[in-house]
Amino acid sequence: MERVNLRIKILQLQPPRKVTTKFGRSHVLIDGLAEDPSGQAPITFWNDQIEALSGVKIGDVIEAKNCFVSSFKGERRINVGRGSEIRRIEEAR
């Protein structure tokens, strides 16, 4: 699914890591775990979106616009990448 807009709570954020695709392109990403009323799902922030995470803490609620959701081995994953926007809308208590 593409162009998905979500309001999600951040439950986990891992340290940034660098990956290289089978086509030789390098990317930096941060994996985490997000939650909304429908449940929890893994989330990945790609490249430039990592900078937009500065100041976001565990427990914060963010609005993520123009994301895409992929499925791998039956598990849905939220991807925040090129063309996506994020902003914090509620700080953790």
N, C-alpha and C. Protein backbone atom coordinates (compact mmCIF):
# COMPACT_ATOMS: atom_id res chain seq x y z
N MET A 1 0.85 -1.18 0.00
CA MET A 1 0.00 0.00 0.00
C MET A 1 0.89 1.24 0.00
N GLU A 2 0.54 2.18 -0.86
CA GLU A 2 1.33 3.41 -0.95
C GLU A 2 0.49 4.61 -0.52
N ARG A 3 1.20 5.68 -0.20
CA ARG A 3 0.58 6.95 0.19
C ARG A 3 -0.33 6.79 1.40
N VAL A 4 0.16 6.10 2.40
CA VAL A 4 -0.58 5.84 3.62
C VAL A 4 -0.24 6.93 4.63
N ASN A 5 -1.26 7.46 5.30
CA ASN A 5 -1.08 8.45 6.35
C ASN A 5 -1.45 7.82 7.68
N LEU A 6 -0.56 7.93 8.67
CA LEU A 6 -0.75 7.26 9.95
C LEU A 6 -0.51 8.21 11.12
N ARG A 7 -1.19 7.95 12.20
CA ARG A 7 -0.93 8.60 13.48
C ARG A 7 -0.50 7.46 14.40
N ILE A 8 0.79 7.42 14.78
CA ILE A 8 1.34 6.27 15.48
C ILE A 8 2.17 6.68 16.68
N LYS A 9 2.20 5.78 17.65
CA LYS A 9 3.04 5.96 18.83
C LYS A 9 4.33 5.17 18.61
N ILE A 10 5.46 5.81 18.90
CA ILE A 10 6.76 5.15 18.74
C ILE A 10 7.07 4.36 20.00
N LEU A 11 7.25 3.04 19.85
CA LEU A 11 7.54 2.17 21.00
C LEU A 11 9.03 1.83 21.10
N GLN A 12 9.71 1.74 19.97
CA GLN A 12 11.14 1.41 19.94
C GLN A 12 11.80 2.11 18.77
N LEU A 13 13.07 2.49 18.95
CA LEU A 13 13.91 2.98 17.86
C LEU A 13 15.31 2.42 18.04
N GLN A 14 15.82 1.76 17.03
CA GLN A 14 17.16 1.19 17.07
C GLN A 14 18.17 2.24 16.59
N PRO A 15 19.45 2.04 16.86
CA PRO A 15 20.47 2.95 16.32
C PRO A 15 20.50 2.87 14.79
N PRO A 16 20.92 3.95 14.12
CA PRO A 16 21.01 3.93 12.66
C PRO A 16 21.99 2.85 12.20
N ARG A 17 21.69 2.28 11.03
CA ARG A 17 22.60 1.31 10.43
C ARG A 17 22.64 1.53 8.92
N LYS A 18 23.74 1.13 8.33
CA LYS A 18 23.94 1.29 6.89
C LYS A 18 23.73 -0.05 6.22
N VAL A 19 22.99 -0.03 5.11
CA VAL A 19 22.76 -1.24 4.33
C VAL A 19 23.11 -0.96 2.87
N THR A 20 23.47 -2.01 2.15
CA THR A 20 23.73 -1.91 0.73
C THR A 20 22.81 -2.87 0.01
N THR A 21 22.09 -2.37 -1.00
CA THR A 21 21.15 -3.21 -1.73
C THR A 21 21.89 -4.14 -2.68
N LYS A 22 21.18 -5.08 -3.24
CA LYS A 22 21.80 -6.00 -4.20
C LYS A 22 22.21 -5.27 -5.47
N PHE A 23 21.75 -4.02 -5.63
CA PHE A 23 22.13 -3.20 -6.78
C PHE A 23 23.31 -2.29 -6.46
N GLY A 24 23.86 -2.40 -5.23
CA GLY A 24 25.02 -1.63 -4.84
C GLY A 24 24.74 -0.25 -4.27
N ARG A 25 23.47 0.09 -4.06
CA ARG A 25 23.13 1.39 -3.48
C ARG A 25 23.18 1.31 -1.96
N SER A 26 23.75 2.34 -1.34
CA SER A 26 23.85 2.40 0.12
C SER A 26 22.71 3.24 0.69
N HIS A 27 22.20 2.80 1.82
CA HIS A 27 21.13 3.50 2.52
C HIS A 27 21.44 3.47 4.01
N VAL A 28 20.96 4.49 4.72
CA VAL A 28 21.01 4.51 6.17
C VAL A 28 19.56 4.39 6.64
N LEU A 29 19.34 3.54 7.63
CA LEU A 29 17.98 3.38 8.12
C LEU A 29 17.95 3.17 9.63
N ILE A 30 16.78 3.43 10.17
CA ILE A 30 16.50 3.17 11.58
C ILE A 30 15.26 2.30 11.64
N ASP A 31 15.37 1.16 12.30
CA ASP A 31 14.23 0.27 12.51
C ASP A 31 13.62 0.56 13.87
N GLY A 32 12.34 0.31 13.99
CA GLY A 32 11.67 0.52 15.26
C GLY A 32 10.36 -0.25 15.31
N LEU A 33 9.55 0.12 16.28
CA LEU A 33 8.24 -0.50 16.47
C LEU A 33 7.26 0.62 16.74
N ALA A 34 6.11 0.57 16.04
CA ALA A 34 5.08 1.59 16.18
C ALA A 34 3.76 0.94 16.56
N GLU A 35 2.86 1.76 17.11
CA GLU A 35 1.56 1.25 17.54
C GLU A 35 0.47 2.27 17.22
N ASP A 36 -0.67 1.75 16.79
CA ASP A 36 -1.87 2.56 16.65
C ASP A 36 -3.03 1.71 17.18
N PRO A 37 -4.27 2.22 17.15
CA PRO A 37 -5.38 1.43 17.70
C PRO A 37 -5.55 0.04 17.08
N SER A 38 -5.03 -0.18 15.86
CA SER A 38 -5.19 -1.49 15.23
C SER A 38 -4.13 -2.49 15.67
N GLY A 39 -3.08 -2.03 16.34
CA GLY A 39 -2.04 -2.94 16.81
C GLY A 39 -0.64 -2.38 16.61
N GLN A 40 0.35 -3.27 16.68
CA GLN A 40 1.76 -2.88 16.55
C GLN A 40 2.32 -3.37 15.22
N ALA A 41 3.32 -2.62 14.72
CA ALA A 41 3.97 -3.02 13.47
C ALA A 41 5.40 -2.50 13.46
N PRO A 42 6.31 -3.26 12.85
CA PRO A 42 7.67 -2.75 12.66
C PRO A 42 7.62 -1.52 11.74
N ILE A 43 8.56 -0.60 11.96
CA ILE A 43 8.63 0.60 11.13
C ILE A 43 10.09 0.85 10.77
N THR A 44 10.33 1.32 9.56
CA THR A 44 11.68 1.65 9.10
C THR A 44 11.68 3.07 8.56
N PHE A 45 12.60 3.87 9.06
CA PHE A 45 12.81 5.23 8.57
C PHE A 45 14.05 5.19 7.69
N TRP A 46 13.93 5.69 6.45
CA TRP A 46 14.99 5.60 5.45
C TRP A 46 15.66 6.95 5.23
N ASN A 47 16.97 6.94 5.12
CA ASN A 47 17.80 8.05 4.65
C ASN A 47 17.42 9.40 5.26
N ASP A 48 16.92 10.32 4.44
CA ASP A 48 16.65 11.69 4.90
C ASP A 48 15.62 11.77 6.01
N GLN A 49 14.76 10.78 6.13
CA GLN A 49 13.74 10.81 7.18
C GLN A 49 14.33 10.63 8.57
N ILE A 50 15.54 10.12 8.64
CA ILE A 50 16.21 9.95 9.94
C ILE A 50 16.41 11.30 10.60
N GLU A 51 16.79 12.30 9.81
CA GLU A 51 16.98 13.65 10.34
C GLU A 51 15.68 14.20 10.92
N ALA A 52 14.55 13.89 10.31
CA ALA A 52 13.26 14.35 10.79
C ALA A 52 12.89 13.72 12.14
N LEU A 53 13.57 12.64 12.52
CA LEU A 53 13.32 11.98 13.80
C LEU A 53 13.99 12.70 14.97
N SER A 54 14.88 13.64 14.70
CA SER A 54 15.59 14.29 15.80
C SER A 54 14.57 14.91 16.75
N GLY A 55 14.71 14.65 18.01
CA GLY A 55 13.79 15.15 19.01
C GLY A 55 12.63 14.21 19.31
N VAL A 56 12.40 13.20 18.48
CA VAL A 56 11.34 12.23 18.73
C VAL A 56 11.85 11.20 19.72
N LYS A 57 11.05 10.97 20.78
CA LYS A 57 11.44 10.04 21.83
C LYS A 57 10.46 8.87 21.88
N ILE A 58 10.90 7.81 22.55
CA ILE A 58 10.03 6.66 22.78
C ILE A 58 8.79 7.15 23.52
N GLY A 59 7.64 6.74 23.03
CA GLY A 59 6.37 7.15 23.63
C GLY A 59 5.72 8.34 22.95
N ASP A 60 6.47 9.06 22.10
CA ASP A 60 5.89 10.18 21.35
C ASP A 60 4.92 9.65 20.30
N VAL A 61 3.93 10.46 19.98
CA VAL A 61 3.01 10.15 18.89
C VAL A 61 3.39 11.04 17.72
N ILE A 62 3.53 10.42 16.55
CA ILE A 62 3.88 11.17 15.35
C ILE A 62 2.81 10.97 14.29
N GLU A 63 2.76 11.92 13.39
CA GLU A 63 1.95 11.78 12.19
C GLU A 63 2.93 11.48 11.06
N ALA A 64 2.71 10.39 10.36
CA ALA A 64 3.57 10.00 9.24
C ALA A 64 2.70 10.02 7.98
N LYS A 65 3.08 10.90 7.05
CA LYS A 65 2.31 11.06 5.82
C LYS A 65 3.07 10.48 4.64
N ASN A 66 2.31 9.94 3.71
CA ASN A 66 2.85 9.43 2.45
C ASN A 66 3.84 8.28 2.65
N CYS A 67 3.52 7.38 3.57
CA CYS A 67 4.34 6.20 3.83
C CYS A 67 3.89 5.07 2.90
N PHE A 68 4.62 3.98 2.94
CA PHE A 68 4.13 2.79 2.26
C PHE A 68 4.25 1.61 3.21
N VAL A 69 3.35 0.67 3.04
CA VAL A 69 3.31 -0.52 3.88
C VAL A 69 3.64 -1.71 3.00
N SER A 70 4.64 -2.47 3.43
CA SER A 70 5.04 -3.66 2.69
C SER A 70 4.76 -4.89 3.55
N SER A 71 4.84 -6.05 2.93
CA SER A 71 4.65 -7.29 3.65
C SER A 71 5.82 -8.21 3.34
N PHE A 72 6.39 -8.79 4.40
CA PHE A 72 7.50 -9.73 4.25
C PHE A 72 7.26 -10.89 5.19
N LYS A 73 7.18 -12.08 4.63
CA LYS A 73 6.90 -13.30 5.40
C LYS A 73 5.64 -13.13 6.25
N GLY A 74 4.62 -12.51 5.66
CA GLY A 74 3.34 -12.37 6.33
C GLY A 74 3.28 -11.26 7.35
N GLU A 75 4.35 -10.50 7.53
CA GLU A 75 4.37 -9.41 8.51
C GLU A 75 4.35 -8.08 7.78
N ARG A 76 3.43 -7.22 8.16
CA ARG A 76 3.37 -5.88 7.58
C ARG A 76 4.41 -4.99 8.21
N ARG A 77 5.01 -4.12 7.39
CA ARG A 77 6.05 -3.19 7.85
C ARG A 77 5.75 -1.82 7.28
N ILE A 78 5.82 -0.80 8.15
CA ILE A 78 5.63 0.58 7.75
C ILE A 78 6.98 1.12 7.29
N ASN A 79 7.01 1.77 6.14
CA ASN A 79 8.23 2.36 5.60
C ASN A 79 8.04 3.86 5.43
N VAL A 80 8.95 4.62 6.03
CA VAL A 80 8.92 6.07 5.93
C VAL A 80 10.16 6.47 5.15
N GLY A 81 9.95 6.84 3.89
CA GLY A 81 11.09 7.09 3.02
C GLY A 81 10.92 8.33 2.17
N ARG A 82 11.52 8.30 1.00
CA ARG A 82 11.48 9.43 0.07
C ARG A 82 10.04 9.87 -0.17
N GLY A 83 9.78 11.14 -0.01
CA GLY A 83 8.44 11.68 -0.21
C GLY A 83 7.55 11.63 1.02
N SER A 84 8.02 10.96 2.08
CA SER A 84 7.24 10.90 3.32
C SER A 84 7.52 12.14 4.17
N GLU A 85 6.60 12.43 5.07
CA GLU A 85 6.76 13.52 6.03
C GLU A 85 6.40 12.99 7.40
N ILE A 86 7.16 13.43 8.41
CA ILE A 86 6.78 13.08 9.78
C ILE A 86 6.83 14.33 10.63
N ARG A 87 5.96 14.36 11.63
CA ARG A 87 6.01 15.43 12.62
C ARG A 87 5.46 14.90 13.94
N ARG A 88 6.06 15.35 15.02
CA ARG A 88 5.60 14.94 16.35
C ARG A 88 4.33 15.71 16.67
N ILE A 89 3.32 15.00 17.12
CA ILE A 89 2.05 15.68 17.47
C ILE A 89 1.72 15.53 18.95
N GLU A 90 2.44 14.64 19.65
CA GLU A 90 2.19 14.47 21.09
C GLU A 90 3.44 13.93 21.74
N GLU A 91 3.90 14.60 22.80
CA GLU A 91 5.09 14.13 23.51
C GLU A 91 4.73 13.04 24.50
N ALA A 92 5.71 12.16 24.75
CA ALA A 92 5.52 11.09 25.74
C ALA A 92 5.26 11.70 27.10
N ARG A 93 4.47 11.00 27.87
CA ARG A 93 4.14 11.49 29.23
C ARG A 93 5.02 10.87 30.26
